[in-house]
Amino acid sequence: MSAPRSRTRRAALRVLAALGRSVALFVPVFLVATFVTFALRSLSGLSPARIQLGEEATPAAVARVEAEWGLDRPFLVQYGDWFSGVLHGDLGTSWTNGSEISTLIGVGLGVSLSVATLALLIGVVVGFGLGTLAALRRTTWIDRAVTGFVTVISVMPAFVVGIVLVTVFAVGLHLFPSAGYVPAAQGLGPWLAHITLPALALSFDVIADVARQLRTSLIGAYSENYVTGAVVRGLSPRRIFFGHVLRNGLGPTLATLGLKFPALVGASVITEWIFGLQGFGRFANDAAQAGDVPAVQGVLVVSIVLVVTFNLLVNLVLARMTPASQRGV
């Protein structure tokens, strides 16, 4: 077998091994998480009868409404029916308005995914540039300037950044709309215009994390034996950086991004309020405030799937892009 084919085979085995580990981890985590999620209703003591009939409802009226929702059945039977629905994409029905939770979450998730994806893209591109620049110019004034800038933006809350962006670019310069959302199907330009400012507000934290982690990883990679060997072999600095340092220094940074994207989707409640977006985070907050347990359960299930799926993608990229860290797999 030729050397290129051997390397391709080893890379494929690494990817398959990473996929197998992720799937093996996903199944028990999903089962336990969904069970705990469903158990929240029993632990919360909340009931659709209290929402529909009020606190003064009689025990008979409460029992009647709960029977209509199937809450008078054994816990494990309820869980089995609910879990079966989850596997088929049915997250149940909202206690507050009787709508399908899958539909309600789908609407908000589309908004949040648009903003989070652009925020992640901005964060990765800018953070990658800053982290690489700081690592290549380490101990110089450029490194200190980048480190200082990253430190400043890392402590700036997204809602403060959002207010400033609206004040300057929407109200002051009229370059972007101050609120609202337009689906991509209605035009790429209007869609980008409405998600740019909220994405910028959320991207600061990503920029800071990516820049700091990448700088540390690249500096550490330069001290590894495989880089020293490349220098001894007479490889150019450019080839050493792209062929050895960057590929192996990306690992910790990619691992950091594993939880970043789901966090951007679900942790942007205040930002969505500022920009008038009916997103996933705002839906989750409204459901929790209303005591709509099935909706909260649906939000948690979707959040679990987002976290696991994105981490699976990151692990696959890690297996392909960072050969030094995967040796021995």
Protein backbone atom coordinates (compact mmCIF):
# COMPACT_ATOMS: atom_id res chain seq x y z
CA MET A 1 0.00 0.00 0.00
CA SER A 2 1.41 3.41 -0.97
CA ALA A 3 2.13 6.10 1.60
CA PRO A 4 -0.71 8.44 0.46
CA ARG A 5 -3.24 5.60 0.66
CA SER A 6 -1.93 4.61 4.07
CA ARG A 7 -2.33 8.16 5.36
CA THR A 8 -5.84 8.37 3.91
CA ARG A 9 -6.75 5.08 5.55
CA ARG A 10 -5.42 6.23 8.94
CA ALA A 11 -7.32 9.52 8.62
CA ALA A 12 -10.52 7.64 7.79
CA LEU A 13 -10.03 5.35 10.78
CA ARG A 14 -9.54 8.35 13.06
CA VAL A 15 -12.75 9.94 11.80
CA LEU A 16 -14.69 6.69 12.21
CA ALA A 17 -13.28 6.19 15.70
CA ALA A 18 -14.30 9.72 16.68
CA LEU A 19 -17.76 9.15 15.21
CA GLY A 20 -18.13 5.88 17.09
CA ARG A 21 -17.12 7.43 20.41
CA SER A 22 -19.48 10.35 19.93
CA VAL A 23 -22.44 8.14 19.03
CA ALA A 24 -21.69 5.77 21.93
CA LEU A 25 -21.68 8.77 24.26
CA PHE A 26 -24.76 10.38 22.72
CA VAL A 27 -27.17 7.48 23.28
CA PRO A 28 -26.87 7.14 27.10
CA VAL A 29 -26.57 10.92 27.55
CA PHE A 30 -29.72 11.49 25.51
CA LEU A 31 -31.66 8.80 27.39
CA VAL A 32 -30.66 10.08 30.82
CA ALA A 33 -31.16 13.72 29.87
CA THR A 34 -34.62 13.15 28.40
CA PHE A 35 -35.68 11.11 31.44
CA VAL A 36 -34.51 13.83 33.81
CA THR A 37 -36.13 16.45 31.60
CA PHE A 38 -39.48 14.67 31.66
CA ALA A 39 -39.24 14.14 35.41
CA LEU A 40 -39.12 17.89 35.84
CA ARG A 41 -42.89 18.08 35.46
CA SER A 42 -43.52 15.80 38.41
CA LEU A 43 -40.88 17.57 40.50
CA SER A 44 -42.19 21.03 39.61
CA GLY A 45 -45.72 20.36 40.82
CA LEU A 46 -47.07 22.41 37.91
CA SER A 47 -50.23 21.43 36.11
CA PRO A 48 -52.07 22.61 32.99
CA ALA A 49 -55.19 22.86 35.13
CA ARG A 50 -53.62 25.60 37.22
CA ILE A 51 -52.75 27.54 34.06
CA GLN A 52 -56.14 27.07 32.40
CA LEU A 53 -58.42 27.23 35.45
CA GLY A 54 -56.44 29.39 37.86
CA GLU A 55 -55.34 28.81 41.43
CA GLU A 56 -58.92 28.67 42.72
CA ALA A 57 -59.83 25.59 40.65
CA THR A 58 -61.56 22.78 42.51
CA PRO A 59 -59.85 19.40 42.91
CA ALA A 60 -62.45 17.81 40.64
CA ALA A 61 -61.82 20.34 37.87
CA VAL A 62 -58.06 19.89 38.22
CA ALA A 63 -58.42 16.11 37.99
CA ARG A 64 -60.60 16.43 34.89
CA VAL A 65 -58.14 18.65 33.03
CA GLU A 66 -55.16 16.50 34.02
CA ALA A 67 -57.02 13.42 32.75
CA GLU A 68 -57.55 15.17 29.43
CA TRP A 69 -53.79 15.70 29.19
CA GLY A 70 -53.09 12.10 30.21
CA LEU A 71 -51.40 13.13 33.44
CA ASP A 72 -53.41 10.63 35.49
CA ARG A 73 -51.49 7.70 33.99
CA PRO A 74 -48.39 6.10 35.56
CA PHE A 75 -45.21 8.16 35.22
CA LEU A 76 -43.31 5.60 33.13
CA VAL A 77 -46.24 5.23 30.73
CA GLN A 78 -46.32 9.00 30.25
CA TYR A 79 -42.57 9.05 29.72
CA GLY A 80 -42.73 6.21 27.20
CA ASP A 81 -45.38 7.98 25.12
CA TRP A 82 -43.53 11.29 25.31
CA PHE A 83 -40.16 9.75 24.40
CA SER A 84 -41.71 7.93 21.47
CA GLY A 85 -43.08 11.25 20.26
CA VAL A 86 -39.67 12.90 20.67
CA LEU A 87 -38.08 10.24 18.47
CA HIS A 88 -40.64 11.10 15.79
CA GLY A 89 -40.13 14.86 16.14
CA ASP A 90 -43.27 15.42 18.23
CA LEU A 91 -42.43 17.44 21.36
CA GLY A 92 -46.00 17.60 22.62
CA THR A 93 -48.53 20.39 22.98
CA SER A 94 -48.19 23.70 24.81
CA TRP A 95 -50.18 24.04 28.00
CA THR A 96 -50.71 27.77 27.44
CA ASN A 97 -52.08 27.92 23.88
CA GLY A 98 -52.51 24.31 22.70
CA SER A 99 -50.07 24.73 19.80
CA GLU A 100 -47.57 22.13 18.69
CA ILE A 101 -44.31 22.77 20.52
CA SER A 102 -42.26 21.53 17.56
CA THR A 103 -43.80 24.27 15.42
CA LEU A 104 -43.28 26.98 18.05
CA ILE A 105 -39.66 25.99 18.61
CA GLY A 106 -39.03 25.70 14.87
CA VAL A 107 -40.01 29.32 14.30
CA GLY A 108 -37.79 30.65 17.10
CA LEU A 109 -34.95 28.27 16.31
CA GLY A 110 -34.72 29.53 12.73
CA VAL A 111 -34.18 33.06 14.01
CA SER A 112 -31.62 32.07 16.64
CA LEU A 113 -29.71 29.75 14.33
CA SER A 114 -29.37 32.56 11.78
CA VAL A 115 -27.98 34.97 14.37
CA ALA A 116 -25.81 32.36 16.11
CA THR A 117 -24.30 31.10 12.85
CA LEU A 118 -23.30 34.59 11.74
CA ALA A 119 -22.02 35.39 15.25
CA LEU A 120 -19.93 32.22 15.24
CA LEU A 121 -18.59 33.00 11.77
CA ILE A 122 -17.59 36.53 12.79
CA GLY A 123 -16.10 35.26 16.03
CA VAL A 124 -14.07 32.52 14.37
CA VAL A 125 -12.73 34.71 11.54
CA VAL A 126 -11.79 37.70 13.71
CA GLY A 127 -10.64 35.58 16.65
CA PHE A 128 -8.57 33.38 14.35
CA GLY A 129 -6.88 36.42 12.85
CA LEU A 130 -6.16 38.04 16.22
CA GLY A 131 -4.98 34.82 17.87
CA THR A 132 -2.69 33.96 14.99
CA LEU A 133 -1.26 37.48 14.85
CA ALA A 134 -0.58 37.47 18.59
CA ALA A 135 1.10 34.06 18.44
CA LEU A 136 3.32 34.97 15.48
CA ARG A 137 4.31 38.27 17.14
CA ARG A 138 4.45 36.93 20.69
CA THR A 139 6.13 39.11 23.36
CA THR A 140 5.95 42.15 21.03
CA TRP A 141 3.73 45.23 21.33
CA ILE A 142 1.36 43.66 18.80
CA ASP A 143 0.88 40.66 21.09
CA ARG A 144 0.24 42.96 24.05
CA ALA A 145 -2.20 45.09 22.05
CA VAL A 146 -4.18 42.06 20.88
CA THR A 147 -4.23 40.62 24.40
CA GLY A 148 -5.45 43.92 25.83
CA PHE A 149 -8.17 44.29 23.20
CA VAL A 150 -9.37 40.73 23.72
CA THR A 151 -9.45 41.25 27.49
CA VAL A 152 -11.60 44.36 27.10
CA ILE A 153 -14.20 42.81 24.78
CA SER A 154 -14.38 39.64 26.88
CA VAL A 155 -15.87 41.56 29.81
CA MET A 156 -18.37 43.56 27.76
CA PRO A 157 -21.90 42.12 28.20
CA ALA A 158 -23.71 41.35 24.96
CA PHE A 159 -26.69 43.51 25.89
CA VAL A 160 -24.44 46.55 26.43
CA VAL A 161 -22.75 45.95 23.08
CA GLY A 162 -26.18 45.54 21.50
CA ILE A 163 -27.45 48.85 22.86
CA VAL A 164 -24.34 50.65 21.61
CA LEU A 165 -24.63 49.06 18.17
CA VAL A 166 -28.30 50.05 17.87
CA THR A 167 -27.56 53.60 19.01
CA VAL A 168 -24.66 54.10 16.60
CA PHE A 169 -25.45 52.04 13.49
CA ALA A 170 -29.27 51.93 13.53
CA VAL A 171 -30.45 55.16 15.17
CA GLY A 172 -27.43 57.34 14.43
CA LEU A 173 -26.16 56.24 11.02
CA HIS A 174 -29.29 54.43 9.77
CA LEU A 175 -27.15 51.66 8.28
CA PHE A 176 -29.09 48.76 9.79
CA PRO A 177 -32.64 48.20 11.07
CA SER A 178 -32.93 48.56 14.83
CA ALA A 179 -35.26 45.61 15.37
CA GLY A 180 -37.21 42.81 13.72
CA TYR A 181 -36.37 39.81 11.57
CA VAL A 182 -36.82 38.94 7.90
CA PRO A 183 -36.48 35.28 6.81
CA ALA A 184 -33.80 34.50 4.25
CA ALA A 185 -36.54 33.32 1.88
CA GLN A 186 -37.70 36.92 1.56
CA GLY A 187 -34.30 38.17 0.43
CA LEU A 188 -30.69 37.63 1.41
CA GLY A 189 -30.00 41.35 1.80
CA PRO A 190 -32.83 42.15 4.23
CA TRP A 191 -32.09 38.93 6.15
CA LEU A 192 -28.42 39.86 6.62
CA ALA A 193 -29.32 43.43 7.49
CA HIS A 194 -31.57 42.29 10.36
CA ILE A 195 -29.20 39.73 11.86
CA THR A 196 -25.89 41.60 11.52
CA LEU A 197 -26.13 43.80 14.63
CA PRO A 198 -27.36 41.07 17.00
CA ALA A 199 -24.72 38.73 15.59
CA LEU A 200 -22.02 41.34 16.20
CA ALA A 201 -23.25 41.80 19.77
CA LEU A 202 -22.97 38.06 20.43
CA SER A 203 -19.68 37.61 18.59
CA PHE A 204 -17.48 39.51 21.05
CA ASP A 205 -17.34 36.63 23.51
CA VAL A 206 -16.50 34.18 20.71
CA ILE A 207 -13.77 36.46 19.37
CA ALA A 208 -12.18 36.67 22.82
CA ASP A 209 -12.31 32.92 23.50
CA VAL A 210 -11.02 31.93 20.06
CA ALA A 211 -8.20 34.49 20.08
CA ARG A 212 -6.97 33.62 23.55
CA GLN A 213 -7.20 29.87 23.11
CA LEU A 214 -5.63 29.90 19.65
CA ARG A 215 -2.74 32.11 20.78
CA THR A 216 -1.98 29.77 23.68
CA SER A 217 -2.27 26.65 21.51
CA LEU A 218 -0.09 27.97 18.70
CA ILE A 219 2.64 29.11 21.08
CA GLY A 220 2.54 25.69 22.74
CA ALA A 221 2.67 23.93 19.36
CA TYR A 222 5.84 25.80 18.41
CA SER A 223 7.64 24.13 21.32
CA GLU A 224 6.69 20.57 20.27
CA ASN A 225 9.26 18.09 18.98
CA TYR A 226 7.63 17.75 15.56
CA VAL A 227 8.12 21.49 14.96
CA THR A 228 11.74 21.26 16.05
CA GLY A 229 12.23 18.37 13.63
CA ALA A 230 10.66 20.38 10.82
CA VAL A 231 13.06 23.25 11.49
CA VAL A 232 16.00 20.84 11.45
CA ARG A 233 14.82 19.47 8.11
CA GLY A 234 14.98 22.98 6.70
CA LEU A 235 11.25 23.55 6.08
CA SER A 236 10.19 27.14 5.51
CA PRO A 237 8.46 29.05 8.36
CA ARG A 238 5.28 29.23 6.25
CA ARG A 239 5.23 25.48 5.68
CA ILE A 240 5.98 24.79 9.33
CA PHE A 241 3.13 27.05 10.44
CA PHE A 242 0.44 25.71 8.10
CA GLY A 243 1.62 22.11 7.95
CA HIS A 244 2.44 21.50 11.59
CA VAL A 245 1.77 24.32 14.04
CA LEU A 246 -1.68 25.41 12.87
CA ARG A 247 -3.13 21.95 12.25
CA ASN A 248 -2.09 20.71 15.68
CA GLY A 249 -2.75 23.96 17.52
CA LEU A 250 -6.37 24.10 16.35
CA GLY A 251 -7.45 21.24 18.62
CA PRO A 252 -8.14 23.13 21.88
CA THR A 253 -9.74 25.99 19.96
CA LEU A 254 -12.12 23.67 18.15
CA ALA A 255 -12.93 21.98 21.44
CA THR A 256 -13.81 25.38 22.89
CA LEU A 257 -16.22 25.98 20.01
CA GLY A 258 -17.97 22.69 20.81
CA LEU A 259 -20.14 24.37 23.44
CA LYS A 260 -20.03 27.88 22.02
CA PHE A 261 -22.56 27.52 19.21
CA PRO A 262 -25.36 25.91 21.30
CA ALA A 263 -24.72 28.55 23.97
CA LEU A 264 -25.15 31.30 21.38
CA VAL A 265 -28.48 29.79 20.31
CA GLY A 266 -29.93 29.47 23.79
CA ALA A 267 -28.29 32.22 25.84
CA SER A 268 -29.29 35.29 23.85
CA VAL A 269 -32.56 36.20 25.60
CA ILE A 270 -31.61 39.79 26.44
CA THR A 271 -30.07 40.36 23.03
CA GLU A 272 -33.25 39.11 21.36
CA TRP A 273 -35.30 41.51 23.48
CA ILE A 274 -33.07 44.44 22.48
CA PHE A 275 -33.39 43.67 18.77
CA GLY A 276 -37.04 42.61 18.86
CA LEU A 277 -36.35 39.01 17.81
CA GLN A 278 -38.71 36.14 18.60
CA GLY A 279 -35.91 33.61 18.90
CA PHE A 280 -35.27 30.32 20.66
CA GLY A 281 -33.87 31.92 23.80
CA ARG A 282 -36.82 34.28 24.15
CA PHE A 283 -39.25 31.41 23.60
CA ALA A 284 -37.50 29.40 26.33
CA ASN A 285 -37.70 32.33 28.73
CA ASP A 286 -41.39 32.96 27.99
CA ALA A 287 -42.21 29.26 28.44
CA ALA A 288 -40.42 29.12 31.79
CA GLN A 289 -42.13 32.30 32.99
CA ALA A 290 -45.55 30.91 32.04
CA GLY A 291 -44.93 27.53 33.69
CA ASP A 292 -45.43 25.79 30.33
CA VAL A 293 -43.62 22.57 31.29
CA PRO A 294 -44.02 20.72 27.94
CA ALA A 295 -42.53 23.73 26.14
CA VAL A 296 -39.60 23.85 28.59
CA GLN A 297 -39.09 20.12 28.09
CA GLY A 298 -39.05 20.65 24.34
CA VAL A 299 -36.50 23.44 24.70
CA LEU A 300 -34.24 21.21 26.81
CA VAL A 301 -34.47 18.33 24.32
CA VAL A 302 -33.60 20.59 21.40
CA SER A 303 -30.74 22.11 23.41
CA ILE A 304 -29.36 18.63 24.16
CA VAL A 305 -29.53 17.70 20.49
CA LEU A 306 -27.79 20.93 19.49
CA VAL A 307 -24.97 20.43 22.00
CA VAL A 308 -24.38 16.80 21.07
CA THR A 309 -24.66 17.38 17.31
CA PHE A 310 -22.28 20.33 17.27
CA ASN A 311 -19.78 18.50 19.47
CA LEU A 312 -20.00 15.54 17.11
CA LEU A 313 -19.12 17.80 14.18
CA VAL A 314 -16.26 19.34 16.14
CA ASN A 315 -14.90 15.89 17.06
CA LEU A 316 -14.99 14.82 13.42
CA VAL A 317 -13.11 17.96 12.37
CA LEU A 318 -10.62 17.40 15.19
CA ALA A 319 -10.01 13.85 14.03
CA ARG A 320 -9.34 15.07 10.51
CA MET A 321 -7.45 18.29 11.17
CA THR A 322 -5.20 17.51 14.14
CA PRO A 323 -3.21 14.38 13.34
CA ALA A 324 -0.65 14.87 16.08
CA SER A 325 -3.29 14.84 18.77
CA GLN A 326 -4.86 11.72 17.31
CA ARG A 327 -1.81 9.51 17.19
CA GLY A 328 -2.32 6.21 18.84
CA VAL A 329 -6.07 6.19 18.04
